Amino acid sequence: MLLQDAYELYITDITVNKGMSNRSIESYASDLKRYFAFLNRQSITQVEEITRDVIYDYIAEALDSLSKSSVARELTSIRGFHYYLSENLRMDNPAVNLASVRRSKSLPRFLSEAELKTLFDSFDDDKEPELLYHVICEMMYSCGLRVSELCNLTMNQYNRSNNFIRVLGKGNKERMVPIAESSAELLNKYLDTVRPFWNQKGMNYLLINPRGNQLSRKYVSDLLKRKEVELGLDLSITAHSFRHTFATDLLANGADLRSVQELLGHSSISTTQIYTHVQTKQLHAAYDSFFPKRDIKEKEKEDNDEKD
């Protein structure tokens, strides 16, 4: 079977039968196109010509230009593609039992208390766009939302009387997330004083921009970039940093890991456990600030002075 024919069948399957999100489909398609470009350079045009060694050669080449995390993700896409052909078209699966690419372990970036205060204090809530910007940041932090979850919230997902949001996460998994009272007050102010004048198109999304359109990932990202430059913040801050900060602060203030897992919408607690490492890192930093390292020679001089 031609690679292109197999590709089209697979993309149709994950779009129609698997019901994946557009973003996931685009990610799989992008990964496979890079894989197919490599196969074409090897003069491989038929699926049946692909062997395990060919896939390993691709991985080795990819590691020269991509991070381990990116290659690990691409390998997941390749496995999914060959598994589909094996299960549905009874083709041999050269990706069975492939060794995984070990991802580099890195702790998530989170915002310090000072950074949060600097950011939240910078908004002028009497100006309409600034109020929206403030609400965006407050909700990502106080509710631990993914940026896609924030952008897709609708009016009926917000329980104003009880300060709860019904969030639809990955795989349409639903979870209930409370909103801090101060964040709810800010959101209600936006809903009462700003949104009605912007909503000329009759949108049902909870948060809309001044043009009456749904928020986008780029809209939120551009907002953070502007604020980073304006306030001199760390340029590694992303929309996801607020979600990491939400989880870190909850654990630091006594929340149990299972509760944080539920609030974040993680299907596995092992995903949530990375925040225990963040806590450990914070603990060491706090300990070092209270008991700074002292120069050994200085300590020896003090001891000798005492002996004299």
Foldseek 3Di string as FASTA:
>chain_A
DFPVVLLVVLLCCCVPVVVADPVVSVLLNVLVVLVVVLCVVVVHGDPLVDALVSVVVSLVVVVVPDALVSSQVSLVSLQSSLVCCCVPVVHDRRSPPDDGRDHDDDFDAADDPVRVCLLLVPADCVDLQSLLLNLLLLCCQQQLDDNVQLLQAFPVQADLVQQWGWTQDGPRDTAITHGDPVSSVSLVCNVPPPLVVQQPVVDGHSDDHNVNHGDDLVNNQVSVCVSCVVRVHDPVDGSNNSSLHNLLVCVVVPDDLVVNCRSNVPPDSVVSCSSVVVVVVVVVVVVCVVVPDDDPVVVVVVVVVVVD
